[in-house]
Amino acid sequence: MIIQTRNLRKIYRVGVERIHALRGINLAIEANEFVAIMGASGSGKSTLMNIIGCLDQATDGQYILNGKDTSRMSGGELAVVRNQQIGFVFQSFELLPRMSAARNVELPMIYAKGGWRKRRKKARAALERVGLGNRMTHKPNQLSGGQKQRVAIARAILNNPAIVLADEPTGNLDSATASDIMSVFQQLHAEGQTIIIVTHEDDIAAYCQRVIHLKDGLVDADGPIFRRARTSQMPAEAGVPA
């Protein structure tokens, strides 16, 4: 089991008000699962994403990642987890405009031992995995939106993380490009990668094996609840398995 949460709670204090973002989340996610987290604004999905990504910590309860309780980790230990065990993909790509695709992908290794040749070799391999081996020297303004997101995905998988965590990864893309990006995630999943996508779009969640739906800080539904709807709507030539 790669992720386990036990009675996870998060309370934000705004002045004298206490906002209960998470009210007791119990989840278990196995290695190589392909999971979507959904929910309306205010449901707690962004808070849960931040805790899973070790960007924030729960007020109460446990988040166990790869058998280790993250609540017992220091700030430095959490930084190592974020760098080595979790790959992040964001809606807005988060690429540095003056750097080439290869340099952007190399960023998680910038302070690692091994020198630039090792970084460049790994960056090339990551870009080739997402179909951009011929765009290594291109800067973000020379790439389409879909290509920028592929660069972001390559950066996320550079260190072979335990989890790829994607926050609305198709939110800035048209539907055809979004489908291409989800195909990249499907391929990574087929290669053994654990992927968690936070989305509000049913058609994006439908690519996943499992959908966790949050409501008012609690798990409202958990299962392959959108799979049948997706396969009935997609055309046969799209190659979607029934």
C-alpha atoms as a PDB file:
ATOM      1  CA  MET A   1       0.000   0.000   0.000  1.00  0.00           C
ATOM      2  CA  ILE A   2       1.528   3.293  -1.064  1.00  0.00           C
ATOM      3  CA  ILE A   3      -0.908   5.748   0.596  1.00  0.00           C
ATOM      4  CA  GLN A   4      -2.998   5.341   3.702  1.00  0.00           C
ATOM      5  CA  THR A   5      -4.891   8.041   5.564  1.00  0.00           C
ATOM      6  CA  ARG A   6      -6.466   7.433   8.960  1.00  0.00           C
ATOM      7  CA  ASN A   7      -9.153   9.817  10.217  1.00  0.00           C
ATOM      8  CA  LEU A   8      -7.433  12.698   8.434  1.00  0.00           C
ATOM      9  CA  ARG A   9      -8.690  16.100   9.587  1.00  0.00           C
ATOM     10  CA  LYS A  10      -7.715  19.627   8.637  1.00  0.00           C
ATOM     11  CA  ILE A  11      -8.950  22.761  10.383  1.00  0.00           C
ATOM     12  CA  TYR A  12      -8.119  26.260   9.196  1.00  0.00           C
ATOM     13  CA  ARG A  13      -8.478  29.187  11.558  1.00  0.00           C
ATOM     14  CA  VAL A  14      -9.657  32.464  10.037  1.00  0.00           C
ATOM     15  CA  GLY A  15      -9.842  34.964  12.860  1.00  0.00           C
ATOM     16  CA  VAL A  16     -12.055  33.362  15.482  1.00  0.00           C
ATOM     17  CA  GLU A  17     -13.686  31.057  12.919  1.00  0.00           C
ATOM     18  CA  ARG A  18     -12.671  27.412  12.544  1.00  0.00           C
ATOM     19  CA  ILE A  19     -13.118  25.984   9.033  1.00  0.00           C
ATOM     20  CA  HIS A  20     -13.237  22.183   8.875  1.00  0.00           C
ATOM     21  CA  ALA A  21     -11.774  21.413   5.444  1.00  0.00           C
ATOM     22  CA  LEU A  22     -11.369  17.665   6.091  1.00  0.00           C
ATOM     23  CA  ARG A  23     -13.546  15.909   8.654  1.00  0.00           C
ATOM     24  CA  GLY A  24     -12.057  12.422   8.865  1.00  0.00           C
ATOM     25  CA  ILE A  25     -10.736  10.975   5.601  1.00  0.00           C
ATOM     26  CA  ASN A  26      -9.895   7.266   5.510  1.00  0.00           C
ATOM     27  CA  LEU A  27      -8.306   6.118   2.266  1.00  0.00           C
ATOM     28  CA  ALA A  28      -5.994   3.409   0.989  1.00  0.00           C
ATOM     29  CA  ILE A  29      -4.321   3.654  -2.425  1.00  0.00           C
ATOM     30  CA  GLU A  30      -2.221   0.833  -3.782  1.00  0.00           C
ATOM     31  CA  ALA A  31       0.842   1.128  -6.002  1.00  0.00           C
ATOM     32  CA  ASN A  32       0.022   1.490  -9.727  1.00  0.00           C
ATOM     33  CA  GLU A  33      -3.522   2.716  -9.136  1.00  0.00           C
ATOM     34  CA  PHE A  34      -4.884   5.418 -11.445  1.00  0.00           C
ATOM     35  CA  VAL A  35      -7.111   7.581  -9.247  1.00  0.00           C
ATOM     36  CA  ALA A  36      -9.177  10.743  -9.704  1.00  0.00           C
ATOM     37  CA  ILE A  37     -10.146  12.944  -6.773  1.00  0.00           C
ATOM     38  CA  MET A  38     -13.279  14.980  -7.442  1.00  0.00           C
ATOM     39  CA  GLY A  39     -15.594  17.308  -5.590  1.00  0.00           C
ATOM     40  CA  ALA A  40     -17.249  20.698  -5.740  1.00  0.00           C
ATOM     41  CA  SER A  41     -15.485  23.863  -4.626  1.00  0.00           C
ATOM     42  CA  GLY A  42     -15.095  23.670  -0.856  1.00  0.00           C
ATOM     43  CA  SER A  43     -15.356  19.873  -0.759  1.00  0.00           C
ATOM     44  CA  GLY A  44     -11.799  19.474   0.524  1.00  0.00           C
ATOM     45  CA  LYS A  45     -10.130  18.056  -2.598  1.00  0.00           C
ATOM     46  CA  SER A  46      -7.450  20.770  -2.788  1.00  0.00           C
ATOM     47  CA  THR A  47      -6.692  20.363   0.917  1.00  0.00           C
ATOM     48  CA  LEU A  48      -6.398  16.601   0.512  1.00  0.00           C
ATOM     49  CA  MET A  49      -4.160  17.060  -2.528  1.00  0.00           C
ATOM     50  CA  ASN A  50      -1.839  19.368  -0.570  1.00  0.00           C
ATOM     51  CA  ILE A  51      -1.558  16.847   2.267  1.00  0.00           C
ATOM     52  CA  ILE A  52      -0.946  13.911  -0.100  1.00  0.00           C
ATOM     53  CA  GLY A  53       1.726  16.022  -1.802  1.00  0.00           C
ATOM     54  CA  CYS A  54       3.337  16.868   1.567  1.00  0.00           C
ATOM     55  CA  LEU A  55       2.764  20.563   0.860  1.00  0.00           C
ATOM     56  CA  ASP A  56       0.657  20.803   4.022  1.00  0.00           C
ATOM     57  CA  GLN A  57       0.062  18.678   7.108  1.00  0.00           C
ATOM     58  CA  ALA A  58      -3.145  17.517   8.722  1.00  0.00           C
ATOM     59  CA  THR A  59      -4.446  18.955  11.968  1.00  0.00           C
ATOM     60  CA  ASP A  60      -5.217  15.460  13.208  1.00  0.00           C
ATOM     61  CA  GLY A  61      -5.021  11.884  11.959  1.00  0.00           C
ATOM     62  CA  GLN A  62      -2.288  10.146   9.979  1.00  0.00           C
ATOM     63  CA  TYR A  63      -1.001  10.235   6.431  1.00  0.00           C
ATOM     64  CA  ILE A  64       1.244   7.238   5.824  1.00  0.00           C
ATOM     65  CA  LEU A  65       3.304   7.294   2.629  1.00  0.00           C
ATOM     66  CA  ASN A  66       5.238   4.173   1.698  1.00  0.00           C
ATOM     67  CA  GLY A  67       4.913   2.907   5.247  1.00  0.00           C
ATOM     68  CA  LYS A  68       6.147   6.128   6.895  1.00  0.00           C
ATOM     69  CA  ASP A  69       4.015   8.506   8.970  1.00  0.00           C
ATOM     70  CA  THR A  70       4.546  11.947   7.415  1.00  0.00           C
ATOM     71  CA  SER A  71       3.341  13.711  10.566  1.00  0.00           C
ATOM     72  CA  ARG A  72       6.559  12.591  12.255  1.00  0.00           C
ATOM     73  CA  MET A  73       8.803  14.028   9.543  1.00  0.00           C
ATOM     74  CA  SER A  74      10.789  17.240   9.823  1.00  0.00           C
ATOM     75  CA  GLY A  75      10.562  20.012   7.259  1.00  0.00           C
ATOM     76  CA  GLY A  76      13.779  18.801   5.661  1.00  0.00           C
ATOM     77  CA  GLU A  77      12.532  15.227   5.448  1.00  0.00           C
ATOM     78  CA  LEU A  78       9.284  16.397   3.856  1.00  0.00           C
ATOM     79  CA  ALA A  79      11.276  18.396   1.283  1.00  0.00           C
ATOM     80  CA  VAL A  80      13.167  15.227   0.330  1.00  0.00           C
ATOM     81  CA  VAL A  81       9.860  13.346  -0.007  1.00  0.00           C
ATOM     82  CA  ARG A  82       8.477  16.072  -2.307  1.00  0.00           C
ATOM     83  CA  ASN A  83      11.610  15.978  -4.452  1.00  0.00           C
ATOM     84  CA  GLN A  84      12.143  12.227  -4.703  1.00  0.00           C
ATOM     85  CA  GLN A  85       8.846  10.446  -4.064  1.00  0.00           C
ATOM     86  CA  ILE A  86       6.202  12.772  -5.536  1.00  0.00           C
ATOM     87  CA  GLY A  87       6.079  14.237  -9.019  1.00  0.00           C
ATOM     88  CA  PHE A  88       3.861  17.298  -9.424  1.00  0.00           C
ATOM     89  CA  VAL A  89       1.953  18.375 -12.539  1.00  0.00           C
ATOM     90  CA  PHE A  90       0.050  21.664 -12.400  1.00  0.00           C
ATOM     91  CA  GLN A  91      -2.685  23.258 -14.501  1.00  0.00           C
ATOM     92  CA  SER A  92      -0.475  26.230 -15.409  1.00  0.00           C
ATOM     93  CA  PHE A  93       2.576  24.065 -16.344  1.00  0.00           C
ATOM     94  CA  GLU A  94       4.960  26.041 -14.052  1.00  0.00           C
ATOM     95  CA  LEU A  95       7.798  26.131 -16.590  1.00  0.00           C
ATOM     96  CA  LEU A  96      10.590  28.699 -16.447  1.00  0.00           C
ATOM     97  CA  PRO A  97      10.294  30.750 -19.672  1.00  0.00           C
ATOM     98  CA  ARG A  98      13.999  31.336 -20.294  1.00  0.00           C
ATOM     99  CA  MET A  99      14.962  27.686 -19.938  1.00  0.00           C
ATOM    100  CA  SER A 100      14.799  24.990 -22.600  1.00  0.00           C
ATOM    101  CA  ALA A 101      12.528  21.982 -22.217  1.00  0.00           C
ATOM    102  CA  ALA A 102      15.506  19.894 -21.092  1.00  0.00           C
ATOM    103  CA  ARG A 103      16.589  22.456 -18.473  1.00  0.00           C
ATOM    104  CA  ASN A 104      13.039  22.687 -17.128  1.00  0.00           C
ATOM    105  CA  VAL A 105      12.878  18.914 -16.806  1.00  0.00           C
ATOM    106  CA  GLU A 106      16.243  18.824 -15.028  1.00  0.00           C
ATOM    107  CA  LEU A 107      15.129  21.158 -12.225  1.00  0.00           C
ATOM    108  CA  PRO A 108      14.307  18.420  -9.633  1.00  0.00           C
ATOM    109  CA  MET A 109      17.944  17.237  -9.959  1.00  0.00           C
ATOM    110  CA  ILE A 110      19.596  20.645  -9.924  1.00  0.00           C
ATOM    111  CA  TYR A 111      21.217  20.079  -6.517  1.00  0.00           C
ATOM    112  CA  ALA A 112      21.753  16.348  -6.905  1.00  0.00           C
ATOM    113  CA  LYS A 113      25.158  14.721  -7.272  1.00  0.00           C
ATOM    114  CA  GLY A 114      26.276  13.439 -10.627  1.00  0.00           C
ATOM    115  CA  GLY A 115      26.761  16.560 -12.727  1.00  0.00           C
ATOM    116  CA  TRP A 116      24.991  17.972 -15.751  1.00  0.00           C
ATOM    117  CA  ARG A 117      25.654  14.981 -18.023  1.00  0.00           C
ATOM    118  CA  LYS A 118      23.639  12.703 -15.729  1.00  0.00           C
ATOM    119  CA  ARG A 119      20.864  15.303 -15.484  1.00  0.00           C
ATOM    120  CA  ARG A 120      20.729  15.740 -19.255  1.00  0.00           C
ATOM    121  CA  LYS A 121      20.637  11.969 -19.866  1.00  0.00           C
ATOM    122  CA  LYS A 122      17.699  11.561 -17.475  1.00  0.00           C
ATOM    123  CA  ALA A 123      15.931  14.600 -18.916  1.00  0.00           C
ATOM    124  CA  ARG A 124      16.268  13.205 -22.432  1.00  0.00           C
ATOM    125  CA  ALA A 125      14.858   9.847 -21.322  1.00  0.00           C
ATOM    126  CA  ALA A 126      11.914  11.537 -19.559  1.00  0.00           C
ATOM    127  CA  LEU A 127      11.120  13.713 -22.580  1.00  0.00           C
ATOM    128  CA  GLU A 128      11.289  10.687 -24.864  1.00  0.00           C
ATOM    129  CA  ARG A 129       8.793   8.884 -22.608  1.00  0.00           C
ATOM    130  CA  VAL A 130       6.258  11.664 -23.189  1.00  0.00           C
ATOM    131  CA  GLY A 131       6.963  11.955 -26.933  1.00  0.00           C
ATOM    132  CA  LEU A 132       9.093  15.129 -26.871  1.00  0.00           C
ATOM    133  CA  GLY A 133      12.588  13.778 -27.470  1.00  0.00           C
ATOM    134  CA  ASN A 134      12.891  16.132 -30.458  1.00  0.00           C
ATOM    135  CA  ARG A 135      11.966  19.260 -28.439  1.00  0.00           C
ATOM    136  CA  MET A 136      14.766  19.284 -25.869  1.00  0.00           C
ATOM    137  CA  THR A 137      16.165  22.689 -26.863  1.00  0.00           C
ATOM    138  CA  HIS A 138      12.802  24.419 -27.349  1.00  0.00           C
ATOM    139  CA  LYS A 139      11.763  27.063 -24.842  1.00  0.00           C
ATOM    140  CA  PRO A 140       8.192  27.236 -23.516  1.00  0.00           C
ATOM    141  CA  ASN A 141       7.175  30.029 -25.922  1.00  0.00           C
ATOM    142  CA  GLN A 142       8.090  27.692 -28.793  1.00  0.00           C
ATOM    143  CA  LEU A 143       5.784  24.938 -27.552  1.00  0.00           C
ATOM    144  CA  SER A 144       2.030  24.413 -27.734  1.00  0.00           C
ATOM    145  CA  GLY A 145      -0.044  24.072 -24.566  1.00  0.00           C
ATOM    146  CA  GLY A 146      -0.081  20.303 -24.865  1.00  0.00           C
ATOM    147  CA  GLN A 147       3.689  20.190 -25.392  1.00  0.00           C
ATOM    148  CA  LYS A 148       4.227  22.389 -22.328  1.00  0.00           C
ATOM    149  CA  GLN A 149       2.186  19.984 -20.247  1.00  0.00           C
ATOM    150  CA  ARG A 150       4.190  17.052 -21.612  1.00  0.00           C
ATOM    151  CA  VAL A 151       7.359  18.849 -20.478  1.00  0.00           C
ATOM    152  CA  ALA A 152       5.777  19.287 -17.051  1.00  0.00           C
ATOM    153  CA  ILE A 153       4.934  15.569 -16.946  1.00  0.00           C
ATOM    154  CA  ALA A 154       8.507  14.693 -17.972  1.00  0.00           C
ATOM    155  CA  ARG A 155       9.786  16.854 -15.099  1.00  0.00           C
ATOM    156  CA  ALA A 156       7.383  15.090 -12.716  1.00  0.00           C
ATOM    157  CA  ILE A 157       8.672  11.613 -13.627  1.00  0.00           C
ATOM    158  CA  LEU A 158      12.364  12.525 -13.768  1.00  0.00           C
ATOM    159  CA  ASN A 159      13.211  11.009 -10.377  1.00  0.00           C
ATOM    160  CA  ASN A 160      10.961   7.954 -10.835  1.00  0.00           C
ATOM    161  CA  PRO A 161       8.613   9.077  -8.051  1.00  0.00           C
ATOM    162  CA  ALA A 162       6.304   6.757  -6.155  1.00  0.00           C
ATOM    163  CA  ILE A 163       3.364   9.021  -7.065  1.00  0.00           C
ATOM    164  CA  VAL A 164       2.561  11.474  -9.839  1.00  0.00           C
ATOM    165  CA  LEU A 165       0.117  14.015  -8.446  1.00  0.00           C
ATOM    166  CA  ALA A 166      -1.633  16.127 -11.086  1.00  0.00           C
ATOM    167  CA  ASP A 167      -3.777  19.142 -10.184  1.00  0.00           C
ATOM    168  CA  GLU A 168      -6.297  19.915 -12.966  1.00  0.00           C
ATOM    169  CA  PRO A 169      -3.650  18.979 -15.575  1.00  0.00           C
ATOM    170  CA  THR A 170      -5.989  19.583 -18.541  1.00  0.00           C
ATOM    171  CA  GLY A 171      -7.665  22.724 -17.222  1.00  0.00           C
ATOM    172  CA  ASN A 172      -5.879  25.056 -19.673  1.00  0.00           C
ATOM    173  CA  LEU A 173      -6.191  22.764 -22.691  1.00  0.00           C
ATOM    174  CA  ASP A 174      -8.806  22.211 -25.379  1.00  0.00           C
ATOM    175  CA  SER A 175     -10.625  18.888 -25.405  1.00  0.00           C
ATOM    176  CA  ALA A 176      -8.510  17.249 -28.123  1.00  0.00           C
ATOM    177  CA  THR A 177      -5.240  18.223 -26.419  1.00  0.00           C
ATOM    178  CA  ALA A 178      -6.649  17.154 -23.047  1.00  0.00           C
ATOM    179  CA  SER A 179      -7.335  13.728 -24.523  1.00  0.00           C
ATOM    180  CA  ASP A 180      -3.721  13.530 -25.736  1.00  0.00           C
ATOM    181  CA  ILE A 181      -2.431  14.417 -22.273  1.00  0.00           C
ATOM    182  CA  MET A 182      -4.632  11.818 -20.627  1.00  0.00           C
ATOM    183  CA  SER A 183      -3.233   9.271 -23.090  1.00  0.00           C
ATOM    184  CA  VAL A 184       0.233  10.121 -21.761  1.00  0.00           C
ATOM    185  CA  PHE A 185      -0.971   9.455 -18.214  1.00  0.00           C
ATOM    186  CA  GLN A 186      -2.534   6.178 -19.369  1.00  0.00           C
ATOM    187  CA  GLN A 187       0.776   5.096 -20.878  1.00  0.00           C
ATOM    188  CA  LEU A 188       2.673   5.970 -17.688  1.00  0.00           C
ATOM    189  CA  HIS A 189       0.120   3.998 -15.695  1.00  0.00           C
ATOM    190  CA  ALA A 190       0.572   1.032 -18.039  1.00  0.00           C
ATOM    191  CA  GLU A 191       4.308   1.228 -17.281  1.00  0.00           C
ATOM    192  CA  GLY A 192       3.599   0.924 -13.545  1.00  0.00           C
ATOM    193  CA  GLN A 193       3.286   4.516 -12.367  1.00  0.00           C
ATOM    194  CA  THR A 194       0.872   5.435  -9.559  1.00  0.00           C
ATOM    195  CA  ILE A 195      -1.131   8.475 -10.678  1.00  0.00           C
ATOM    196  CA  ILE A 196      -3.544  10.686  -8.742  1.00  0.00           C
ATOM    197  CA  ILE A 197      -5.428  13.370 -10.660  1.00  0.00           C
ATOM    198  CA  VAL A 198      -7.449  16.133  -9.029  1.00  0.00           C
ATOM    199  CA  THR A 199     -10.172  17.274 -11.413  1.00  0.00           C
ATOM    200  CA  HIS A 200     -13.701  18.637 -11.569  1.00  0.00           C
ATOM    201  CA  GLU A 201     -14.331  17.216 -15.048  1.00  0.00           C
ATOM    202  CA  ASP A 202     -16.219  13.923 -15.380  1.00  0.00           C
ATOM    203  CA  ASP A 203     -14.710  13.155 -18.790  1.00  0.00           C
ATOM    204  CA  ILE A 204     -11.182  13.469 -17.376  1.00  0.00           C
ATOM    205  CA  ALA A 205     -11.992  11.383 -14.295  1.00  0.00           C
ATOM    206  CA  ALA A 206     -13.396   8.741 -16.654  1.00  0.00           C
ATOM    207  CA  TYR A 207      -9.878   7.898 -17.821  1.00  0.00           C
ATOM    208  CA  CYS A 208      -9.036   6.727 -14.303  1.00  0.00           C
ATOM    209  CA  GLN A 209      -9.665   3.305 -12.791  1.00  0.00           C
ATOM    210  CA  ARG A 210     -11.050   4.726  -9.576  1.00  0.00           C
ATOM    211  CA  VAL A 211     -12.834   7.941  -8.611  1.00  0.00           C
ATOM    212  CA  ILE A 212     -12.866   9.307  -5.065  1.00  0.00           C
ATOM    213  CA  HIS A 213     -15.578  11.928  -4.649  1.00  0.00           C
ATOM    214  CA  LEU A 214     -15.425  14.332  -1.721  1.00  0.00           C
ATOM    215  CA  LYS A 215     -18.285  16.307  -0.202  1.00  0.00           C
ATOM    216  CA  ASP A 216     -18.078  18.586   2.830  1.00  0.00           C
ATOM    217  CA  GLY A 217     -14.687  17.221   3.836  1.00  0.00           C
ATOM    218  CA  LEU A 218     -15.711  13.562   3.721  1.00  0.00           C
ATOM    219  CA  VAL A 219     -15.503  10.737   1.167  1.00  0.00           C
ATOM    220  CA  ASP A 220     -18.925  10.719  -0.487  1.00  0.00           C
ATOM    221  CA  ALA A 221     -18.213   7.967  -3.052  1.00  0.00           C
ATOM    222  CA  ASP A 222     -15.259   5.766  -3.953  1.00  0.00           C
ATOM    223  CA  GLY A 223     -15.091   3.382  -6.896  1.00  0.00           C
ATOM    224  CA  PRO A 224     -15.117   3.018 -10.708  1.00  0.00           C
ATOM    225  CA  ILE A 225     -18.321   5.076 -10.816  1.00  0.00           C
ATOM    226  CA  PHE A 226     -17.734   6.898 -14.103  1.00  0.00           C
ATOM    227  CA  ARG A 227     -16.284   4.045 -16.162  1.00  0.00           C
ATOM    228  CA  ARG A 228     -19.536   2.865 -17.750  1.00  0.00           C
ATOM    229  CA  ALA A 229     -20.594   6.412 -18.647  1.00  0.00           C
ATOM    230  CA  ARG A 230     -17.288   7.069 -20.363  1.00  0.00           C
ATOM    231  CA  THR A 231     -17.210   3.917 -22.479  1.00  0.00           C
ATOM    232  CA  SER A 232     -20.740   4.539 -23.696  1.00  0.00           C
ATOM    233  CA  GLN A 233     -19.875   8.080 -24.812  1.00  0.00           C
ATOM    234  CA  MET A 234     -16.489   7.562 -26.471  1.00  0.00           C
ATOM    235  CA  PRO A 235     -16.400   6.624 -30.164  1.00  0.00           C
ATOM    236  CA  ALA A 236     -15.176   3.144 -31.032  1.00  0.00           C
ATOM    237  CA  GLU A 237     -12.177   4.461 -32.976  1.00  0.00           C
ATOM    238  CA  ALA A 238     -10.779   6.120 -29.843  1.00  0.00           C
ATOM    239  CA  GLY A 239      -9.560   2.696 -28.740  1.00  0.00           C
ATOM    240  CA  VAL A 240     -11.106   2.888 -25.272  1.00  0.00           C
ATOM    241  CA  PRO A 241     -11.499  -0.543 -23.688  1.00  0.00           C
ATOM    242  CA  ALA A 242     -15.018  -1.515 -22.710  1.00  0.00           C
END
